[in-house]
Amino acid sequence: MDLLLLLLGLVLLLAGGDALVRGAADLARRLGISPLVVGLTVVALGTSAPELAVNVTAALSGSGSLSFGNVIGSNLANIGLVVGVAALVRPLDVQAVVVRRELPMMLLATGFALVFALDSVLAGAASSRYERGDGIALLLLLSVFLYYTAADVFRQRESRRGKVGMAPGSWSVPVSLLVATAGLVGLLVGAHFTVEGGVGIARSAGIPEAVIGLTLIAIGTSLPELAASLIAAWRGEAGIAIGSVIGSNLFNLLLVLGATAAIRPIPVPAGGVGDLAVLCALSAVLWGVCVTQERRVIRAEGAALLTVYVVYVSARALL
């Protein structure tokens, strides 16, 4: 029964996330927003909604280890799995603004998450956890990211004033809102089933909740990002592919982890600091790949990211 609940929850999460992204992205594009901004905001927030729904539900039910594993595991999957596979489909060109602003912001957010998890080292505490103050600090950093992104939207709106209209193949506004709302409902119901099934499997099999969150649930809730990035790469929309990954990682760390910790402190499970260190390393590698003169992620680099991710998660699940 736990397995059926988990599978049903993941299906609802994926279907709901897809519907939410489709409806919201259609509305955004009708407003003349660039693909990069759509990826950083609408697609990223929509595909991060499963993590937010799962983590808030887990926090309210007291499953903090599941919350940590889901966020960090999802971010690892976004860089290693999503970027890796998308680059294998087609090399991803990266805009200069991403290298200059969004990637450093992602590195900063990941660094904050790592520092906040070092209570036992920095403060001599018996154990490490994300306190409510840490969550509020992450939410404040989110407001900085949203400020700069909103400024970009307003600049683009001004430059395209008078050119906004119905894009080819667009839905009407009521239909787009209906699709997005249906997706949100699916996410909330799916989150409940996913947490119930995941915790049940972890307890019955003796597997730590953090490992379940880091692997199965994290990959499952990262599938919307994977699907969106694969489609974007296939169609040559590298802005959406890269933007959705960076934006999703930022929302996961700043909004999901921040809001969850603000609701209830999140304990850092055994091996959690190591997971964060690997996430920091992968984030730095992605920035290093994109900062080159060509500013693109080629197939060989995508294969390397994917290999590192598969090897690490496999080793982590067996420990």
Protein backbone atom coordinates (compact mmCIF):
# COMPACT_ATOMS: atom_id res chain seq x y z
CA MET A 1 0.00 0.00 0.00
CA ASP A 2 2.87 2.38 0.79
CA LEU A 3 4.41 1.68 -2.60
CA LEU A 4 1.09 2.31 -4.35
CA LEU A 5 0.67 5.57 -2.45
CA LEU A 6 4.20 6.64 -3.41
CA LEU A 7 3.69 5.82 -7.09
CA LEU A 8 0.28 7.51 -7.19
CA GLY A 9 1.74 10.57 -5.46
CA LEU A 10 4.63 10.82 -7.94
CA VAL A 11 2.23 10.50 -10.88
CA LEU A 12 0.03 13.27 -9.50
CA LEU A 13 3.09 15.42 -8.78
CA LEU A 14 4.34 15.05 -12.34
CA ALA A 15 0.95 15.58 -13.95
CA GLY A 16 0.19 18.53 -11.69
CA GLY A 17 3.60 20.12 -12.22
CA ASP A 18 3.30 19.75 -15.98
CA ALA A 19 -0.18 21.31 -16.04
CA LEU A 20 0.91 24.18 -13.78
CA VAL A 21 3.95 24.95 -15.94
CA ARG A 22 1.98 24.77 -19.19
CA GLY A 23 -0.74 27.10 -17.97
CA ALA A 24 1.58 29.60 -16.28
CA ALA A 25 4.16 29.62 -19.10
CA ASP A 26 1.44 30.30 -21.67
CA LEU A 27 0.28 33.33 -19.72
CA ALA A 28 3.86 34.59 -19.32
CA ARG A 29 4.70 34.26 -23.01
CA ARG A 30 1.62 36.20 -24.00
CA LEU A 31 3.10 39.08 -21.98
CA GLY A 32 6.26 39.10 -24.10
CA ILE A 33 8.68 37.84 -21.44
CA SER A 34 11.95 36.31 -22.68
CA PRO A 35 12.48 32.52 -22.57
CA LEU A 36 15.27 32.92 -19.98
CA VAL A 37 13.03 34.86 -17.59
CA VAL A 38 10.24 32.33 -18.17
CA GLY A 39 12.69 29.56 -17.27
CA LEU A 40 14.01 31.35 -14.18
CA THR A 41 10.58 32.19 -12.82
CA VAL A 42 7.46 30.55 -14.21
CA VAL A 43 8.93 27.18 -15.19
CA ALA A 44 11.33 27.06 -12.22
CA LEU A 45 8.67 27.95 -9.66
CA GLY A 46 6.18 25.58 -11.26
CA THR A 47 8.61 22.67 -11.27
CA SER A 48 9.71 23.50 -7.70
CA ALA A 49 6.10 23.33 -6.54
CA PRO A 50 6.34 19.54 -5.95
CA GLU A 51 9.32 20.04 -3.62
CA LEU A 52 7.49 22.87 -1.82
CA ALA A 53 4.32 20.81 -1.43
CA VAL A 54 6.20 17.70 -0.28
CA ASN A 55 8.38 19.62 2.18
CA VAL A 56 5.65 21.70 3.77
CA THR A 57 3.59 18.54 4.26
CA ALA A 58 6.65 16.72 5.66
CA ALA A 59 7.43 19.62 8.01
CA LEU A 60 3.88 19.66 9.36
CA SER A 61 4.03 15.89 9.92
CA GLY A 62 7.47 16.05 11.58
CA SER A 63 9.44 14.28 8.82
CA GLY A 64 12.32 16.77 8.70
CA SER A 65 14.90 14.34 7.32
CA LEU A 66 12.66 13.73 4.31
CA SER A 67 12.50 17.51 3.74
CA PHE A 68 16.29 17.88 3.73
CA GLY A 69 16.88 14.92 1.45
CA ASN A 70 14.22 16.05 -0.99
CA VAL A 71 15.63 19.57 -1.43
CA ILE A 72 19.30 18.63 -1.67
CA GLY A 73 18.59 15.51 -3.71
CA SER A 74 16.43 17.50 -6.13
CA ASN A 75 19.15 20.12 -6.61
CA LEU A 76 21.76 17.42 -7.21
CA ALA A 77 19.41 15.85 -9.77
CA ASN A 78 18.82 19.21 -11.45
CA ILE A 79 22.54 19.76 -12.11
CA GLY A 80 23.74 16.22 -12.65
CA LEU A 81 20.70 14.56 -14.21
CA VAL A 82 18.72 17.37 -15.86
CA VAL A 83 21.60 19.48 -17.24
CA GLY A 84 23.56 16.35 -18.07
CA VAL A 85 20.80 14.69 -20.09
CA ALA A 86 19.67 17.96 -21.72
CA ALA A 87 23.24 18.68 -22.87
CA LEU A 88 23.45 15.18 -24.33
CA VAL A 89 20.34 15.95 -26.40
CA ARG A 90 21.77 19.25 -27.64
CA PRO A 91 24.66 21.47 -26.38
CA LEU A 92 23.24 24.27 -24.24
CA ASP A 93 24.20 27.88 -24.96
CA VAL A 94 24.27 30.06 -21.84
CA GLN A 95 23.49 33.78 -21.89
CA ALA A 96 26.00 36.21 -20.41
CA VAL A 97 23.54 37.42 -17.76
CA VAL A 98 23.27 33.86 -16.42
CA VAL A 99 27.05 33.66 -15.92
CA ARG A 100 27.19 37.15 -14.46
CA ARG A 101 24.23 37.00 -12.07
CA GLU A 102 22.08 33.85 -11.84
CA LEU A 103 24.87 31.26 -11.46
CA PRO A 104 26.71 33.30 -8.77
CA MET A 105 23.38 33.70 -6.97
CA MET A 106 22.90 29.92 -7.05
CA LEU A 107 26.44 29.43 -5.69
CA LEU A 108 25.75 31.96 -2.93
CA ALA A 109 22.49 30.26 -1.94
CA THR A 110 24.17 26.84 -1.88
CA GLY A 111 27.00 28.24 0.24
CA PHE A 112 24.51 29.70 2.74
CA ALA A 113 22.74 26.33 2.97
CA LEU A 114 26.07 24.63 3.70
CA VAL A 115 27.12 27.15 6.36
CA PHE A 116 23.74 26.95 8.11
CA ALA A 117 24.19 23.16 8.30
CA LEU A 118 27.50 23.42 10.18
CA ASP A 119 26.11 24.15 13.66
CA SER A 120 28.03 21.26 15.21
CA VAL A 121 31.30 22.58 13.75
CA LEU A 122 30.88 26.35 13.98
CA ALA A 123 28.86 26.62 17.19
CA GLY A 124 29.80 23.38 18.94
CA ALA A 125 26.19 22.20 18.99
CA ALA A 126 25.39 18.55 19.67
CA SER A 127 23.63 18.30 16.31
CA SER A 128 23.04 20.49 13.28
CA ARG A 129 19.71 21.71 12.03
CA TYR A 130 18.15 24.57 10.11
CA GLU A 131 16.57 26.86 12.69
CA ARG A 132 13.70 29.25 12.01
CA GLY A 133 16.20 32.12 11.81
CA ASP A 134 18.08 30.27 9.06
CA GLY A 135 14.83 29.81 7.17
CA ILE A 136 14.02 33.52 7.42
CA ALA A 137 17.52 34.41 6.19
CA LEU A 138 17.05 32.16 3.14
CA LEU A 139 13.67 33.78 2.43
CA LEU A 140 15.28 37.23 2.61
CA LEU A 141 17.90 36.14 0.09
CA LEU A 142 15.04 34.95 -2.12
CA SER A 143 13.60 38.46 -2.07
CA VAL A 144 16.89 39.78 -3.50
CA PHE A 145 16.74 37.29 -6.37
CA LEU A 146 13.10 38.15 -7.06
CA TYR A 147 13.90 41.88 -7.02
CA TYR A 148 16.53 41.60 -9.75
CA THR A 149 14.38 39.22 -11.78
CA ALA A 150 11.36 41.53 -11.52
CA ALA A 151 13.53 44.44 -12.65
CA ASP A 152 14.44 42.43 -15.76
CA VAL A 153 10.76 41.74 -16.46
CA PHE A 154 9.87 45.43 -16.24
CA ARG A 155 12.76 46.41 -18.52
CA GLN A 156 11.68 43.85 -21.10
CA ARG A 157 8.07 44.98 -20.86
CA GLU A 158 9.11 48.58 -21.49
CA SER A 159 11.27 47.64 -24.47
CA ARG A 160 8.44 45.59 -25.99
CA ARG A 161 5.59 47.95 -25.19
CA GLY A 162 2.95 47.79 -27.88
CA LYS A 163 4.19 44.43 -29.20
CA VAL A 164 2.44 42.19 -26.68
CA GLY A 165 -0.40 40.05 -28.03
CA MET A 166 -1.72 36.58 -28.57
CA ALA A 167 1.14 34.24 -29.46
CA PRO A 168 0.54 31.48 -32.01
CA GLY A 169 -0.99 28.43 -30.39
CA SER A 170 -1.75 30.25 -27.13
CA TRP A 171 -4.70 29.33 -24.96
CA SER A 172 -7.18 31.91 -23.80
CA VAL A 173 -6.59 33.43 -20.36
CA PRO A 174 -9.45 31.46 -18.67
CA VAL A 175 -8.18 28.16 -20.10
CA SER A 176 -4.59 28.90 -18.99
CA LEU A 177 -5.78 29.75 -15.47
CA LEU A 178 -7.90 26.59 -15.34
CA VAL A 179 -4.96 24.39 -16.40
CA ALA A 180 -2.63 26.02 -13.85
CA THR A 181 -5.20 25.67 -11.05
CA ALA A 182 -5.80 22.00 -11.86
CA GLY A 183 -2.04 21.46 -11.76
CA LEU A 184 -1.78 23.08 -8.34
CA VAL A 185 -4.53 20.83 -6.95
CA GLY A 186 -2.74 17.78 -8.37
CA LEU A 187 0.50 18.89 -6.71
CA LEU A 188 -1.08 19.26 -3.29
CA VAL A 189 -2.83 15.88 -3.40
CA GLY A 190 0.27 14.21 -4.87
CA ALA A 191 2.47 15.70 -2.14
CA HIS A 192 0.35 14.13 0.57
CA PHE A 193 0.45 10.67 -1.03
CA THR A 194 4.19 10.95 -1.73
CA VAL A 195 5.07 11.79 1.86
CA GLU A 196 2.80 9.08 3.27
CA GLY A 197 4.17 6.42 0.92
CA GLY A 198 7.82 7.51 1.21
CA VAL A 199 7.84 7.58 5.00
CA GLY A 200 6.03 4.24 5.14
CA ILE A 201 8.58 2.56 2.87
CA ALA A 202 11.51 4.10 4.77
CA ARG A 203 10.24 2.87 8.12
CA SER A 204 9.21 -0.61 7.01
CA ALA A 205 12.48 -1.27 5.14
CA GLY A 206 14.71 0.32 7.77
CA ILE A 207 16.02 2.84 5.25
CA PRO A 208 16.71 6.36 6.61
CA GLU A 209 14.17 8.92 5.44
CA ALA A 210 17.00 11.16 4.24
CA VAL A 211 18.13 8.51 1.75
CA ILE A 212 14.57 8.03 0.44
CA GLY A 213 14.30 11.80 -0.03
CA LEU A 214 17.74 12.05 -1.62
CA THR A 215 17.03 9.38 -4.24
CA LEU A 216 13.55 8.18 -5.19
CA ILE A 217 11.45 11.15 -4.11
CA ALA A 218 14.06 13.74 -5.16
CA ILE A 219 14.36 12.23 -8.64
CA GLY A 220 10.60 11.87 -8.90
CA THR A 221 9.97 15.50 -8.06
CA SER A 222 12.80 16.52 -10.43
CA LEU A 223 11.13 14.85 -13.41
CA PRO A 224 9.15 18.04 -14.27
CA GLU A 225 12.47 19.91 -14.60
CA LEU A 226 13.88 17.04 -16.65
CA ALA A 227 10.89 16.97 -19.01
CA ALA A 228 10.83 20.75 -19.42
CA SER A 229 14.58 20.97 -20.03
CA LEU A 230 14.61 18.08 -22.50
CA ILE A 231 11.79 19.60 -24.53
CA ALA A 232 13.44 23.03 -24.39
CA ALA A 233 16.81 21.62 -25.48
CA TRP A 234 15.20 19.64 -28.29
CA ARG A 235 13.51 22.81 -29.57
CA GLY A 236 16.66 24.91 -29.22
CA GLU A 237 15.32 26.94 -26.26
CA ALA A 238 18.48 26.84 -24.16
CA GLY A 239 17.28 29.81 -22.10
CA ILE A 240 14.38 27.81 -20.72
CA ALA A 241 16.52 24.69 -20.22
CA ILE A 242 19.25 26.41 -18.21
CA GLY A 243 16.95 28.98 -16.62
CA SER A 244 14.59 26.35 -15.25
CA VAL A 245 17.46 24.45 -13.59
CA ILE A 246 19.08 27.51 -12.00
CA GLY A 247 15.75 29.01 -10.99
CA SER A 248 14.51 25.70 -9.59
CA ASN A 249 17.67 25.27 -7.51
CA LEU A 250 17.29 28.80 -6.16
CA PHE A 251 13.64 28.29 -5.32
CA ASN A 252 14.39 24.91 -3.72
CA LEU A 253 17.09 26.33 -1.45
CA LEU A 254 15.61 29.74 -0.70
CA LEU A 255 11.85 29.22 -0.85
CA VAL A 256 11.33 25.51 -0.16
CA LEU A 257 14.08 25.02 2.43
CA GLY A 258 13.55 28.51 3.85
CA ALA A 259 9.78 28.18 4.23
CA THR A 260 10.05 24.64 5.62
CA ALA A 261 12.63 25.67 8.24
CA ALA A 262 10.51 28.70 9.16
CA ILE A 263 7.58 26.37 9.85
CA ARG A 264 9.59 23.83 11.83
CA PRO A 265 13.38 23.42 12.33
CA ILE A 266 14.89 20.83 9.96
CA PRO A 267 17.54 18.45 11.35
CA VAL A 268 20.57 17.82 9.16
CA PRO A 269 20.74 14.01 8.83
CA ALA A 270 23.87 11.90 8.91
CA GLY A 271 25.80 12.49 5.71
CA GLY A 272 23.83 15.66 5.00
CA VAL A 273 26.86 17.94 5.17
CA GLY A 274 28.60 15.70 2.64
CA ASP A 275 25.57 15.96 0.33
CA LEU A 276 25.71 19.74 0.59
CA ALA A 277 29.45 19.76 -0.10
CA VAL A 278 28.90 17.69 -3.27
CA LEU A 279 26.10 20.05 -4.31
CA CYS A 280 28.44 23.03 -3.84
CA ALA A 281 31.10 21.27 -5.92
CA LEU A 282 28.67 20.45 -8.75
CA SER A 283 27.34 24.02 -8.71
CA ALA A 284 30.90 25.36 -8.97
CA VAL A 285 31.66 22.95 -11.83
CA LEU A 286 28.53 24.10 -13.70
CA TRP A 287 29.59 27.73 -13.26
CA GLY A 288 33.12 26.89 -14.42
CA VAL A 289 31.74 25.16 -17.52
CA CYS A 290 29.49 28.11 -18.37
CA VAL A 291 32.05 30.84 -17.69
CA THR A 292 34.28 29.77 -20.57
CA GLN A 293 34.49 31.94 -23.65
CA GLU A 294 32.04 29.74 -25.57
CA ARG A 295 29.52 29.91 -22.70
CA ARG A 296 27.93 26.55 -23.45
CA VAL A 297 27.53 23.08 -21.94
CA ILE A 298 28.69 20.58 -24.55
CA ARG A 299 27.78 16.87 -24.72
CA ALA A 300 31.04 15.67 -23.11
CA GLU A 301 30.48 18.01 -20.15
CA GLY A 302 26.87 16.86 -19.87
CA ALA A 303 28.03 13.23 -19.84
CA ALA A 304 30.55 14.05 -17.09
CA LEU A 305 27.90 15.75 -14.93
CA LEU A 306 25.54 12.80 -15.41
CA THR A 307 28.26 10.27 -14.55
CA VAL A 308 29.24 12.07 -11.34
CA TYR A 309 25.59 12.26 -10.31
CA VAL A 310 24.83 8.58 -10.96
CA VAL A 311 28.00 7.40 -9.18
CA TYR A 312 27.43 9.60 -6.13
CA VAL A 313 23.75 8.82 -5.66
CA SER A 314 24.38 5.10 -6.15
CA ALA A 315 27.14 5.16 -3.54
CA ARG A 316 25.03 7.28 -1.18
CA ALA A 317 22.06 4.91 -1.40
CA LEU A 318 24.26 1.91 -0.59
CA LEU A 319 25.89 3.46 2.47
